[in-house]
PDB file of N, CA and C in Angstrom:
ATOM      1  N   MET A   1      -0.248   8.182 -25.006  1.00  0.00           N
ATOM      2  CA  MET A   1      -0.398   7.583 -23.115  1.00  0.00           C
ATOM      3  C   MET A   1       0.044   7.988 -22.275  1.00  0.00           C
ATOM      4  N   ASN A   2       0.307   8.686 -21.046  1.00  0.00           N
ATOM      5  CA  ASN A   2       1.462   8.482 -20.087  1.00  0.00           C
ATOM      6  C   ASN A   2       1.330   7.585 -19.192  1.00  0.00           C
ATOM      7  N   ALA A   3       2.825   7.828 -18.825  1.00  0.00           N
ATOM      8  CA  ALA A   3       3.097   6.159 -18.101  1.00  0.00           C
ATOM      9  C   ALA A   3       2.128   6.574 -16.629  1.00  0.00           C
ATOM     10  N   LEU A   4       1.489   7.199 -16.115  1.00  0.00           N
ATOM     11  CA  LEU A   4       0.858   6.985 -15.307  1.00  0.00           C
ATOM     12  C   LEU A   4      -0.971   5.899 -15.731  1.00  0.00           C
ATOM     13  N   THR A   5      -1.228   5.862 -17.125  1.00  0.00           N
ATOM     14  CA  THR A   5      -2.152   5.049 -17.901  1.00  0.00           C
ATOM     15  C   THR A   5      -1.922   3.944 -18.017  1.00  0.00           C
ATOM     16  N   GLN A   6       0.227   3.596 -17.859  1.00  0.00           N
ATOM     17  CA  GLN A   6       0.187   2.679 -17.974  1.00  0.00           C
ATOM     18  C   GLN A   6       0.551   1.525 -16.959  1.00  0.00           C
ATOM     19  N   LEU A   7       0.444   2.037 -15.835  1.00  0.00           N
ATOM     20  CA  LEU A   7       0.625   1.230 -14.784  1.00  0.00           C
ATOM     21  C   LEU A   7      -0.690   0.185 -14.717  1.00  0.00           C
ATOM     22  N   PRO A   8      -0.682  -0.573 -13.790  1.00  0.00           N
ATOM     23  CA  PRO A   8      -1.701  -1.525 -13.836  1.00  0.00           C
ATOM     24  C   PRO A   8      -2.830  -0.544 -12.971  1.00  0.00           C
ATOM     25  N   VAL A   9      -4.231  -1.030 -13.155  1.00  0.00           N
ATOM     26  CA  VAL A   9      -5.096  -0.571 -12.281  1.00  0.00           C
ATOM     27  C   VAL A   9      -5.514  -0.023 -11.328  1.00  0.00           C
ATOM     28  N   ILE A  10      -4.618  -1.072 -10.448  1.00  0.00           N
ATOM     29  CA  ILE A  10      -4.954  -1.492  -8.747  1.00  0.00           C
ATOM     30  C   ILE A  10      -3.621  -0.702  -9.036  1.00  0.00           C
ATOM     31  N   VAL A  11      -2.148  -0.222  -9.248  1.00  0.00           N
ATOM     32  CA  VAL A  11      -1.193   0.897  -8.717  1.00  0.00           C
ATOM     33  C   VAL A  11      -1.585   1.659  -8.815  1.00  0.00           C
ATOM     34  N   GLN A  12      -2.633   2.255  -9.190  1.00  0.00           N
ATOM     35  CA  GLN A  12      -3.370   4.006 -10.229  1.00  0.00           C
ATOM     36  C   GLN A  12      -4.289   3.815  -8.719  1.00  0.00           C
ATOM     37  N   THR A  13      -5.079   2.653  -9.019  1.00  0.00           N
ATOM     38  CA  THR A  13      -6.102   3.402  -7.943  1.00  0.00           C
ATOM     39  C   THR A  13      -5.675   4.042  -6.445  1.00  0.00           C
ATOM     40  N   VAL A  14      -5.276   3.022  -6.066  1.00  0.00           N
ATOM     41  CA  VAL A  14      -3.991   2.546  -4.148  1.00  0.00           C
ATOM     42  C   VAL A  14      -3.048   3.980  -4.389  1.00  0.00           C
ATOM     43  N   GLY A  15      -2.319   4.359  -5.609  1.00  0.00           N
ATOM     44  CA  GLY A  15      -1.730   5.575  -5.389  1.00  0.00           C
ATOM     45  C   GLY A  15      -3.013   6.628  -5.538  1.00  0.00           C
ATOM     46  N   LEU A  16      -3.947   7.023  -6.355  1.00  0.00           N
ATOM     47  CA  LEU A  16      -4.405   8.166  -6.191  1.00  0.00           C
ATOM     48  C   LEU A  16      -5.217   8.365  -4.157  1.00  0.00           C
ATOM     49  N   LEU A  17      -5.603   6.919  -3.953  1.00  0.00           N
ATOM     50  CA  LEU A  17      -5.970   6.946  -2.832  1.00  0.00           C
ATOM     51  C   LEU A  17      -5.520   7.680  -1.509  1.00  0.00           C
ATOM     52  N   ILE A  18      -4.093   6.594  -1.650  1.00  0.00           N
ATOM     53  CA  ILE A  18      -3.330   7.293  -0.824  1.00  0.00           C
ATOM     54  C   ILE A  18      -2.834   9.008  -0.944  1.00  0.00           C
ATOM     55  N   LEU A  19      -3.216   9.307  -1.784  1.00  0.00           N
ATOM     56  CA  LEU A  19      -3.035  10.580  -2.152  1.00  0.00           C
ATOM     57  C   LEU A  19      -4.011  11.597  -1.677  1.00  0.00           C
ATOM     58  N   SER A  20      -5.514  10.747  -1.899  1.00  0.00           N
ATOM     59  CA  SER A  20      -6.408  11.187  -1.245  1.00  0.00           C
ATOM     60  C   SER A  20      -6.844  11.311   0.752  1.00  0.00           C
ATOM     61  N   ASN A  21      -6.158  10.541   0.891  1.00  0.00           N
ATOM     62  CA  ASN A  21      -6.517   9.781   2.257  1.00  0.00           C
ATOM     63  C   ASN A  21      -5.311  11.069   3.064  1.00  0.00           C
ATOM     64  N   VAL A  22      -4.762  11.421   2.574  1.00  0.00           N
ATOM     65  CA  VAL A  22      -3.671  12.662   3.206  1.00  0.00           C
ATOM     66  C   VAL A  22      -4.070  13.579   3.292  1.00  0.00           C
ATOM     67  N   PHE A  23      -4.712  14.228   2.520  1.00  0.00           N
ATOM     68  CA  PHE A  23      -6.084  15.119   2.205  1.00  0.00           C
ATOM     69  C   PHE A  23      -6.294  15.188   3.356  1.00  0.00           C
ATOM     70  N   MET A  24      -7.445  14.318   3.125  1.00  0.00           N
ATOM     71  CA  MET A  24      -8.750  13.980   3.993  1.00  0.00           C
ATOM     72  C   MET A  24      -8.415  13.759   5.624  1.00  0.00           C
ATOM     73  N   THR A  25      -6.985  13.241   6.062  1.00  0.00           N
ATOM     74  CA  THR A  25      -6.781  13.010   7.056  1.00  0.00           C
ATOM     75  C   THR A  25      -6.975  14.610   7.849  1.00  0.00           C
ATOM     76  N   PHE A  26      -6.232  15.349   7.239  1.00  0.00           N
ATOM     77  CA  PHE A  26      -5.116  16.406   7.351  1.00  0.00           C
ATOM     78  C   PHE A  26      -6.930  17.471   7.527  1.00  0.00           C
ATOM     79  N   ALA A  27      -7.700  17.899   6.439  1.00  0.00           N
ATOM     80  CA  ALA A  27      -8.813  17.784   6.460  1.00  0.00           C
ATOM     81  C   ALA A  27      -9.729  17.881   7.629  1.00  0.00           C
ATOM     82  N   TRP A  28      -9.688  16.531   8.192  1.00  0.00           N
ATOM     83  CA  TRP A  28     -10.641  16.329   9.185  1.00  0.00           C
ATOM     84  C   TRP A  28     -10.165  16.218  10.349  1.00  0.00           C
ATOM     85  N   TYR A  29      -8.769  15.715  10.947  1.00  0.00           N
ATOM     86  CA  TYR A  29      -7.688  16.271  12.013  1.00  0.00           C
ATOM     87  C   TYR A  29      -7.321  17.539  12.661  1.00  0.00           C
ATOM     88  N   ALA A  30      -6.067  17.939  11.415  1.00  0.00           N
ATOM     89  CA  ALA A  30      -5.446  19.013  11.457  1.00  0.00           C
ATOM     90  C   ALA A  30      -5.704  19.761  11.965  1.00  0.00           C
ATOM     91  N   HIS A  31      -7.138  20.379  11.897  1.00  0.00           N
ATOM     92  CA  HIS A  31      -8.101  21.972  12.705  1.00  0.00           C
ATOM     93  C   HIS A  31      -7.467  21.728  13.941  1.00  0.00           C
ATOM     94  N   LEU A  32      -7.895  20.613  15.032  1.00  0.00           N
ATOM     95  CA  LEU A  32      -8.005  20.722  16.091  1.00  0.00           C
ATOM     96  C   LEU A  32      -6.142  20.541  17.125  1.00  0.00           C
ATOM     97  N   LYS A  33      -5.560  20.762  15.527  1.00  0.00           N
ATOM     98  CA  LYS A  33      -3.951  20.514  16.762  1.00  0.00           C
ATOM     99  C   LYS A  33      -3.688  22.282  16.078  1.00  0.00           C
ATOM    100  N   ASN A  34      -3.699  23.073  15.069  1.00  0.00           N
ATOM    101  CA  ASN A  34      -3.546  24.068  14.023  1.00  0.00           C
ATOM    102  C   ASN A  34      -5.077  25.109  14.760  1.00  0.00           C
ATOM    103  N   LEU A  35      -5.580  24.404  14.159  1.00  0.00           N
ATOM    104  CA  LEU A  35      -6.739  26.331  14.803  1.00  0.00           C
ATOM    105  C   LEU A  35      -7.700  25.768  16.031  1.00  0.00           C
ATOM    106  N   ASN A  36      -7.463  25.016  16.650  1.00  0.00           N
ATOM    107  CA  ASN A  36      -8.298  24.796  18.169  1.00  0.00           C
ATOM    108  C   ASN A  36      -8.305  25.864  18.526  1.00  0.00           C
ATOM    109  N   ASP A  37      -7.271  27.249  18.471  1.00  0.00           N
ATOM    110  CA  ASP A  37      -8.085  28.621  18.703  1.00  0.00           C
ATOM    111  C   ASP A  37      -8.853  29.526  17.997  1.00  0.00           C
ATOM    112  N   LYS A  38      -9.396  28.911  16.907  1.00  0.00           N
ATOM    113  CA  LYS A  38     -10.381  29.433  15.838  1.00  0.00           C
ATOM    114  C   LYS A  38     -11.323  28.829  16.373  1.00  0.00           C
ATOM    115  N   PRO A  39     -12.603  30.339  15.386  1.00  0.00           N
ATOM    116  CA  PRO A  39     -13.806  29.470  15.722  1.00  0.00           C
ATOM    117  C   PRO A  39     -14.231  28.409  14.862  1.00  0.00           C
ATOM    118  N   TRP A  40     -14.694  27.933  14.753  1.00  0.00           N
ATOM    119  CA  TRP A  40     -15.455  26.337  13.839  1.00  0.00           C
ATOM    120  C   TRP A  40     -15.379  27.052  12.886  1.00  0.00           C
ATOM    121  N   TRP A  41     -16.175  27.847  12.105  1.00  0.00           N
ATOM    122  CA  TRP A  41     -16.415  28.048  11.169  1.00  0.00           C
ATOM    123  C   TRP A  41     -14.938  27.791  10.612  1.00  0.00           C
ATOM    124  N   ILE A  42     -14.244  29.147  11.233  1.00  0.00           N
ATOM    125  CA  ILE A  42     -12.630  28.764   9.904  1.00  0.00           C
ATOM    126  C   ILE A  42     -12.157  27.703  10.506  1.00  0.00           C
ATOM    127  N   ALA A  43     -12.345  26.968  11.497  1.00  0.00           N
ATOM    128  CA  ALA A  43     -11.533  24.851  10.787  1.00  0.00           C
ATOM    129  C   ALA A  43     -12.659  24.509   9.546  1.00  0.00           C
ATOM    130  N   ALA A  44     -13.937  24.986   9.657  1.00  0.00           N
ATOM    131  CA  ALA A  44     -14.747  24.198   8.714  1.00  0.00           C
ATOM    132  C   ALA A  44     -13.878  24.591   7.225  1.00  0.00           C
ATOM    133  N   LEU A  45     -14.181  26.052   6.783  1.00  0.00           N
ATOM    134  CA  LEU A  45     -13.951  26.695   5.888  1.00  0.00           C
ATOM    135  C   LEU A  45     -12.005  26.013   4.845  1.00  0.00           C
ATOM    136  N   THR A  46     -11.062  26.071   5.929  1.00  0.00           N
ATOM    137  CA  THR A  46     -10.151  25.422   5.732  1.00  0.00           C
ATOM    138  C   THR A  46      -9.995  24.054   5.365  1.00  0.00           C
ATOM    139  N   SER A  47     -10.965  23.390   6.149  1.00  0.00           N
ATOM    140  CA  SER A  47     -11.351  22.131   6.251  1.00  0.00           C
ATOM    141  C   SER A  47     -11.480  21.602   4.747  1.00  0.00           C
ATOM    142  N   TRP A  48     -12.674  22.399   4.338  1.00  0.00           N
ATOM    143  CA  TRP A  48     -13.246  22.244   2.981  1.00  0.00           C
ATOM    144  C   TRP A  48     -12.001  22.653   1.569  1.00  0.00           C
ATOM    145  N   GLY A  49     -11.498  23.442   1.800  1.00  0.00           N
ATOM    146  CA  GLY A  49     -10.643  24.014   0.980  1.00  0.00           C
ATOM    147  C   GLY A  49     -10.006  22.547   1.109  1.00  0.00           C
ATOM    148  N   ILE A  50      -9.403  22.182   1.596  1.00  0.00           N
ATOM    149  CA  ILE A  50      -7.908  20.572   1.752  1.00  0.00           C
ATOM    150  C   ILE A  50      -8.999  19.842   1.223  1.00  0.00           C
ATOM    151  N   ALA A  51     -10.236  19.765   1.408  1.00  0.00           N
ATOM    152  CA  ALA A  51     -11.109  18.493   1.597  1.00  0.00           C
ATOM    153  C   ALA A  51     -10.946  18.750  -0.118  1.00  0.00           C
ATOM    154  N   LEU A  52     -11.410  19.955  -1.190  1.00  0.00           N
ATOM    155  CA  LEU A  52     -11.324  19.572  -2.369  1.00  0.00           C
ATOM    156  C   LEU A  52      -9.924  18.901  -2.866  1.00  0.00           C
ATOM    157  N   PHE A  53      -9.139  19.122  -2.647  1.00  0.00           N
ATOM    158  CA  PHE A  53      -7.679  18.785  -2.677  1.00  0.00           C
ATOM    159  C   PHE A  53      -7.647  16.906  -2.869  1.00  0.00           C
ATOM    160  N   GLU A  54      -8.500  16.098  -1.071  1.00  0.00           N
ATOM    161  CA  GLU A  54      -8.976  14.720  -1.425  1.00  0.00           C
ATOM    162  C   GLU A  54      -9.927  14.545  -2.866  1.00  0.00           C
ATOM    163  N   TYR A  55     -10.437  15.354  -2.828  1.00  0.00           N
ATOM    164  CA  TYR A  55     -12.002  14.727  -3.863  1.00  0.00           C
ATOM    165  C   TYR A  55     -10.946  14.967  -5.087  1.00  0.00           C
ATOM    166  N   LEU A  56     -10.354  15.924  -5.562  1.00  0.00           N
ATOM    167  CA  LEU A  56      -9.820  15.690  -6.574  1.00  0.00           C
ATOM    168  C   LEU A  56      -8.377  14.502  -7.195  1.00  0.00           C
ATOM    169  N   PHE A  57      -8.475  14.161  -6.101  1.00  0.00           N
ATOM    170  CA  PHE A  57      -7.639  12.620  -6.189  1.00  0.00           C
ATOM    171  C   PHE A  57      -8.983  11.404  -5.891  1.00  0.00           C
ATOM    172  N   GLN A  58      -9.348  11.089  -4.912  1.00  0.00           N
ATOM    173  CA  GLN A  58     -10.795  10.765  -4.509  1.00  0.00           C
ATOM    174  C   GLN A  58     -11.633  10.238  -5.376  1.00  0.00           C
ATOM    175  N   VAL A  59     -12.061  11.105  -6.688  1.00  0.00           N
ATOM    176  CA  VAL A  59     -13.061  10.625  -7.297  1.00  0.00           C
ATOM    177  C   VAL A  59     -12.471   9.690  -8.755  1.00  0.00           C
ATOM    178  N   PRO A  60     -11.377  10.626  -8.925  1.00  0.00           N
ATOM    179  CA  PRO A  60     -10.088   9.304 -10.405  1.00  0.00           C
ATOM    180  C   PRO A  60      -9.763   8.071  -9.954  1.00  0.00           C
ATOM    181  N   ALA A  61      -9.668   8.242  -8.455  1.00  0.00           N
ATOM    182  CA  ALA A  61      -9.330   6.484  -8.226  1.00  0.00           C
ATOM    183  C   ALA A  61     -10.306   5.559  -8.003  1.00  0.00           C
ATOM    184  N   ASN A  62     -11.520   6.448  -7.964  1.00  0.00           N
ATOM    185  CA  ASN A  62     -12.451   5.041  -8.055  1.00  0.00           C
ATOM    186  C   ASN A  62     -12.872   5.131  -9.091  1.00  0.00           C
ATOM    187  N   ARG A  63     -13.311   6.141 -10.259  1.00  0.00           N
ATOM    188  CA  ARG A  63     -13.618   5.685 -11.306  1.00  0.00           C
ATOM    189  C   ARG A  63     -12.967   4.717 -11.896  1.00  0.00           C
ATOM    190  N   ILE A  64     -11.439   5.115 -12.120  1.00  0.00           N
ATOM    191  CA  ILE A  64      -9.991   3.409 -12.268  1.00  0.00           C
ATOM    192  C   ILE A  64     -10.299   2.757 -11.653  1.00  0.00           C
ATOM    193  N   GLY A  65     -10.214   2.789 -10.335  1.00  0.00           N
ATOM    194  CA  GLY A  65     -10.443   1.668  -9.978  1.00  0.00           C
ATOM    195  C   GLY A  65     -12.003   0.488  -9.457  1.00  0.00           C
ATOM    196  N   HIS A  66     -13.272   1.533 -10.277  1.00  0.00           N
ATOM    197  CA  HIS A  66     -14.311   0.621 -10.397  1.00  0.00           C
ATOM    198  C   HIS A  66     -14.584  -0.056 -11.738  1.00  0.00           C
ATOM    199  N   THR A  67     -13.277   0.338 -13.046  1.00  0.00           N
ATOM    200  CA  THR A  67     -13.317  -0.491 -14.164  1.00  0.00           C
ATOM    201  C   THR A  67     -12.789  -2.428 -14.005  1.00  0.00           C
ATOM    202  N   GLU A  68     -11.840  -2.419 -12.412  1.00  0.00           N
ATOM    203  CA  GLU A  68     -11.731  -4.202 -12.311  1.00  0.00           C
ATOM    204  C   GLU A  68     -12.127  -4.736 -10.825  1.00  0.00           C
ATOM    205  N   LEU A  69     -12.589  -3.241 -10.374  1.00  0.00           N
ATOM    206  CA  LEU A  69     -12.947  -3.539  -8.864  1.00  0.00           C
ATOM    207  C   LEU A  69     -14.470  -3.587  -8.689  1.00  0.00           C
ATOM    208  N   SER A  70     -14.865  -4.404  -7.297  1.00  0.00           N
ATOM    209  CA  SER A  70     -15.937  -4.234  -7.385  1.00  0.00           C
ATOM    210  C   SER A  70     -16.566  -2.709  -5.981  1.00  0.00           C
ATOM    211  N   LEU A  71     -17.305  -2.295  -5.941  1.00  0.00           N
ATOM    212  CA  LEU A  71     -17.432  -1.098  -5.037  1.00  0.00           C
ATOM    213  C   LEU A  71     -17.153  -2.141  -4.222  1.00  0.00           C
ATOM    214  N   ALA A  72     -17.447  -2.819  -3.525  1.00  0.00           N
ATOM    215  CA  ALA A  72     -17.210  -3.621  -2.172  1.00  0.00           C
ATOM    216  C   ALA A  72     -15.682  -3.467  -1.883  1.00  0.00           C
ATOM    217  N   GLN A  73     -15.097  -3.893  -2.762  1.00  0.00           N
ATOM    218  CA  GLN A  73     -13.676  -3.670  -2.761  1.00  0.00           C
ATOM    219  C   GLN A  73     -12.831  -2.719  -2.561  1.00  0.00           C
ATOM    220  N   LEU A  74     -13.829  -1.622  -3.537  1.00  0.00           N
ATOM    221  CA  LEU A  74     -13.043  -0.113  -2.999  1.00  0.00           C
ATOM    222  C   LEU A  74     -13.239   0.556  -1.772  1.00  0.00           C
ATOM    223  N   LYS A  75     -14.188  -0.077  -1.210  1.00  0.00           N
ATOM    224  CA  LYS A  75     -14.288   0.429  -0.116  1.00  0.00           C
ATOM    225  C   LYS A  75     -13.513   0.132   1.208  1.00  0.00           C
ATOM    226  N   VAL A  76     -13.731  -0.997   1.085  1.00  0.00           N
ATOM    227  CA  VAL A  76     -12.667  -1.747   1.823  1.00  0.00           C
ATOM    228  C   VAL A  76     -11.047  -1.411   1.590  1.00  0.00           C
ATOM    229  N   MET A  77     -10.291  -1.488   0.420  1.00  0.00           N
ATOM    230  CA  MET A  77      -9.487  -0.600  -0.250  1.00  0.00           C
ATOM    231  C   MET A  77      -9.213   0.363   0.908  1.00  0.00           C
ATOM    232  N   GLN A  78     -10.139   1.443   0.570  1.00  0.00           N
ATOM    233  CA  GLN A  78     -10.429   2.350   1.204  1.00  0.00           C
ATOM    234  C   GLN A  78     -10.198   2.738   3.074  1.00  0.00           C
ATOM    235  N   GLU A  79     -10.853   2.174   3.788  1.00  0.00           N
ATOM    236  CA  GLU A  79     -11.045   2.316   5.070  1.00  0.00           C
ATOM    237  C   GLU A  79      -9.432   1.572   4.896  1.00  0.00           C
ATOM    238  N   VAL A  80      -8.527   0.702   4.561  1.00  0.00           N
ATOM    239  CA  VAL A  80      -7.228   0.196   4.822  1.00  0.00           C
ATOM    240  C   VAL A  80      -6.181   1.387   4.935  1.00  0.00           C
ATOM    241  N   ILE A  81      -5.967   2.116   3.758  1.00  0.00           N
ATOM    242  CA  ILE A  81      -5.598   3.231   3.343  1.00  0.00           C
ATOM    243  C   ILE A  81      -5.474   3.916   4.429  1.00  0.00           C
ATOM    244  N   THR A  82      -7.030   4.406   4.582  1.00  0.00           N
ATOM    245  CA  THR A  82      -7.322   5.164   6.059  1.00  0.00           C
ATOM    246  C   THR A  82      -6.308   5.166   6.674  1.00  0.00           C
ATOM    247  N   LEU A  83      -6.869   3.742   7.630  1.00  0.00           N
ATOM    248  CA  LEU A  83      -5.918   3.792   8.622  1.00  0.00           C
ATOM    249  C   LEU A  83      -4.285   3.181   8.234  1.00  0.00           C
ATOM    250  N   SER A  84      -3.847   3.370   7.366  1.00  0.00           N
ATOM    251  CA  SER A  84      -2.216   2.944   7.287  1.00  0.00           C
ATOM    252  C   SER A  84      -2.336   4.996   7.350  1.00  0.00           C
ATOM    253  N   VAL A  85      -3.086   5.622   6.584  1.00  0.00           N
ATOM    254  CA  VAL A  85      -2.231   6.932   6.772  1.00  0.00           C
ATOM    255  C   VAL A  85      -2.327   7.548   7.531  1.00  0.00           C
ATOM    256  N   PHE A  86      -3.528   7.275   8.007  1.00  0.00           N
ATOM    257  CA  PHE A  86      -3.780   7.839   9.460  1.00  0.00           C
ATOM    258  C   PHE A  86      -3.061   8.047  10.543  1.00  0.00           C
ATOM    259  N   LEU A  87      -2.119   6.540  10.443  1.00  0.00           N
ATOM    260  CA  LEU A  87      -1.455   5.968  12.162  1.00  0.00           C
ATOM    261  C   LEU A  87      -0.190   7.025  11.827  1.00  0.00           C
ATOM    262  N   PRO A  88       0.381   6.643  10.518  1.00  0.00           N
ATOM    263  CA  PRO A  88       1.980   7.923  10.617  1.00  0.00           C
ATOM    264  C   PRO A  88       1.338   9.302  11.201  1.00  0.00           C
ATOM    265  N   PHE A  89      -0.006   9.836  10.526  1.00  0.00           N
ATOM    266  CA  PHE A  89      -0.543  11.565  10.420  1.00  0.00           C
ATOM    267  C   PHE A  89      -0.359  11.277  12.699  1.00  0.00           C
ATOM    268  N   ALA A  90      -1.178   9.994  12.581  1.00  0.00           N
ATOM    269  CA  ALA A  90      -1.604  10.368  14.656  1.00  0.00           C
ATOM    270  C   ALA A  90       0.033  10.060  15.336  1.00  0.00           C
ATOM    271  N   VAL A  91       0.525   9.462  14.536  1.00  0.00           N
ATOM    272  CA  VAL A  91       1.272   9.205  15.628  1.00  0.00           C
ATOM    273  C   VAL A  91       2.877  10.528  15.396  1.00  0.00           C
ATOM    274  N   PHE A  92       3.187  10.972  14.219  1.00  0.00           N
ATOM    275  CA  PHE A  92       4.526  11.721  13.905  1.00  0.00           C
ATOM    276  C   PHE A  92       3.641  13.462  13.162  1.00  0.00           C
ATOM    277  N   TYR A  93       2.345  13.644  12.992  1.00  0.00           N
ATOM    278  CA  TYR A  93       2.307  14.660  12.943  1.00  0.00           C
ATOM    279  C   TYR A  93       1.237  14.777  14.750  1.00  0.00           C
ATOM    280  N   MET A  94       0.662  14.384  14.712  1.00  0.00           N
ATOM    281  CA  MET A  94      -0.449  14.838  16.559  1.00  0.00           C
ATOM    282  C   MET A  94       0.216  14.239  17.641  1.00  0.00           C
ATOM    283  N   HIS A  95       1.235  13.215  17.734  1.00  0.00           N
ATOM    284  CA  HIS A  95       1.911  13.137  18.679  1.00  0.00           C
ATOM    285  C   HIS A  95       1.288  12.531  19.674  1.00  0.00           C
ATOM    286  N   GLU A  96       0.354  11.038  18.823  1.00  0.00           N
ATOM    287  CA  GLU A  96      -0.623  10.579  19.867  1.00  0.00           C
ATOM    288  C   GLU A  96       0.288   9.105  19.950  1.00  0.00           C
ATOM    289  N   ASN A  97       0.316   8.916  21.104  1.00  0.00           N
ATOM    290  CA  ASN A  97       0.928   7.226  21.237  1.00  0.00           C
ATOM    291  C   ASN A  97       0.069   6.328  20.430  1.00  0.00           C
ATOM    292  N   VAL A  98       1.390   5.211  19.799  1.00  0.00           N
ATOM    293  CA  VAL A  98       0.508   4.165  19.526  1.00  0.00           C
ATOM    294  C   VAL A  98      -0.253   3.493  20.088  1.00  0.00           C
ATOM    295  N   LYS A  99      -0.747   2.790  20.175  1.00  0.00           N
ATOM    296  CA  LYS A  99      -1.933   1.875  21.212  1.00  0.00           C
ATOM    297  C   LYS A  99      -2.075   0.698  20.158  1.00  0.00           C
ATOM    298  N   LEU A 100      -2.244  -0.669  21.006  1.00  0.00           N
ATOM    299  CA  LEU A 100      -1.992  -2.173  20.558  1.00  0.00           C
ATOM    300  C   LEU A 100      -3.375  -2.198  19.351  1.00  0.00           C
ATOM    301  N   ASP A 101      -4.815  -1.327  20.105  1.00  0.00           N
ATOM    302  CA  ASP A 101      -6.049  -1.204  19.466  1.00  0.00           C
ATOM    303  C   ASP A 101      -5.863  -0.732  17.869  1.00  0.00           C
ATOM    304  N   PHE A 102      -4.399  -0.182  17.770  1.00  0.00           N
ATOM    305  CA  PHE A 102      -4.141  -0.034  16.169  1.00  0.00           C
ATOM    306  C   PHE A 102      -4.139  -1.158  15.466  1.00  0.00           C
ATOM    307  N   LEU A 103      -2.785  -2.091  16.296  1.00  0.00           N
ATOM    308  CA  LEU A 103      -2.789  -3.501  15.823  1.00  0.00           C
ATOM    309  C   LEU A 103      -4.073  -4.323  15.649  1.00  0.00           C
ATOM    310  N   TRP A 104      -4.611  -3.922  16.460  1.00  0.00           N
ATOM    311  CA  TRP A 104      -6.403  -5.072  15.949  1.00  0.00           C
ATOM    312  C   TRP A 104      -7.094  -4.821  15.547  1.00  0.00           C
ATOM    313  N   ALA A 105      -7.680  -3.381  14.874  1.00  0.00           N
ATOM    314  CA  ALA A 105      -7.921  -2.964  13.826  1.00  0.00           C
ATOM    315  C   ALA A 105      -7.666  -2.736  12.780  1.00  0.00           C
ATOM    316  N   GLY A 106      -6.307  -3.126  12.580  1.00  0.00           N
ATOM    317  CA  GLY A 106      -5.548  -3.472  11.512  1.00  0.00           C
ATOM    318  C   GLY A 106      -5.905  -4.832  11.096  1.00  0.00           C
ATOM    319  N   LEU A 107      -5.416  -5.569  11.935  1.00  0.00           N
ATOM    320  CA  LEU A 107      -5.595  -7.074  11.263  1.00  0.00           C
ATOM    321  C   LEU A 107      -7.262  -7.524  10.915  1.00  0.00           C
ATOM    322  N   CYS A 108      -8.517  -6.565  11.835  1.00  0.00           N
ATOM    323  CA  CYS A 108      -9.561  -7.198  11.287  1.00  0.00           C
ATOM    324  C   CYS A 108     -10.296  -6.476   9.916  1.00  0.00           C
ATOM    325  N   LEU A 109      -9.333  -5.221   9.428  1.00  0.00           N
ATOM    326  CA  LEU A 109      -8.973  -5.072   8.242  1.00  0.00           C
ATOM    327  C   LEU A 109      -8.397  -5.679   7.472  1.00  0.00           C
ATOM    328  N   VAL A 110      -7.142  -6.726   7.872  1.00  0.00           N
ATOM    329  CA  VAL A 110      -6.846  -7.372   6.738  1.00  0.00           C
ATOM    330  C   VAL A 110      -7.982  -9.131   6.338  1.00  0.00           C
ATOM    331  N   GLY A 111      -8.184  -9.333   7.149  1.00  0.00           N
ATOM    332  CA  GLY A 111      -9.857 -10.587   7.754  1.00  0.00           C
ATOM    333  C   GLY A 111     -10.165  -9.398   6.441  1.00  0.00           C
ATOM    334  N   ALA A 112     -10.527  -8.162   6.577  1.00  0.00           N
ATOM    335  CA  ALA A 112     -11.767  -7.284   5.608  1.00  0.00           C
ATOM    336  C   ALA A 112     -11.219  -7.579   4.177  1.00  0.00           C
ATOM    337  N   VAL A 113     -10.683  -7.218   4.246  1.00  0.00           N
ATOM    338  CA  VAL A 113      -9.591  -7.388   2.527  1.00  0.00           C
ATOM    339  C   VAL A 113      -9.548  -8.799   2.056  1.00  0.00           C
ATOM    340  N   TYR A 114      -9.276  -9.932   2.817  1.00  0.00           N
ATOM    341  CA  TYR A 114      -9.439 -10.964   2.698  1.00  0.00           C
ATOM    342  C   TYR A 114     -10.469 -11.581   2.022  1.00  0.00           C
ATOM    343  N   PHE A 115     -11.764 -11.365   2.900  1.00  0.00           N
ATOM    344  CA  PHE A 115     -13.065 -11.690   2.591  1.00  0.00           C
ATOM    345  C   PHE A 115     -13.820 -11.050   1.685  1.00  0.00           C
ATOM    346  N   MET A 116     -13.796  -9.546   1.116  1.00  0.00           N
ATOM    347  CA  MET A 116     -13.802  -8.964  -0.176  1.00  0.00           C
ATOM    348  C   MET A 116     -13.039  -9.901  -1.324  1.00  0.00           C
ATOM    349  N   PHE A 117     -11.575  -9.858  -1.386  1.00  0.00           N
ATOM    350  CA  PHE A 117     -10.815 -10.006  -2.820  1.00  0.00           C
ATOM    351  C   PHE A 117     -11.144 -11.535  -3.274  1.00  0.00           C
ATOM    352  N   ARG A 118     -11.217 -12.929  -1.887  1.00  0.00           N
ATOM    353  CA  ARG A 118     -10.612 -13.675  -1.419  1.00  0.00           C
ATOM    354  C   ARG A 118     -10.927 -14.189  -3.703  1.00  0.00           C
ATOM    355  N   GLY A 119     -12.280 -14.215  -3.778  1.00  0.00           N
ATOM    356  CA  GLY A 119     -12.538 -14.770  -5.380  1.00  0.00           C
ATOM    357  C   GLY A 119     -12.502 -14.110  -6.192  1.00  0.00           C
ATOM    358  N   ALA A 120     -11.263 -12.929  -6.319  1.00  0.00           N
ATOM    359  CA  ALA A 120     -11.173 -12.463  -7.515  1.00  0.00           C
ATOM    360  C   ALA A 120     -10.397 -12.810  -8.608  1.00  0.00           C
TER     361      ALA A 120
END
C-alpha cells in the first residue's frame, strides 16, 4: 500500500481535484494570454492537450471521492476548488484586478458547502 492510499479519502480527493483544476484553468483560459494571436483551432488543440492532464487527475479524484461522498458533495467541492484555483490564476498569471465580487461568490460557495455537507 503506498503512502497516497493511506491518506483519508477527502484529502486524496481534494489534492487530486486541486491538481486537476490547475490544468483545467490553464486549458480554459491561458490561451487568452498566450495564444491570442494564433488561430482559434491552435488554441483549441493546445487546450485539449492540457485538458488531458486535467482528466488524468479528475477521474481518479471523483472515483476515490465517490466512495465516501455523494455526487452533489463532489460537485460542490469541485466548484469551491475551482474558484480557489481560479483566483490566484486570474490575479498572478492573467494580471486581473481582485474584485469584491470574488468575495461574494466565495461566500455563496461557503453556503453551498454548508448545506451540502451539514448532514454528512
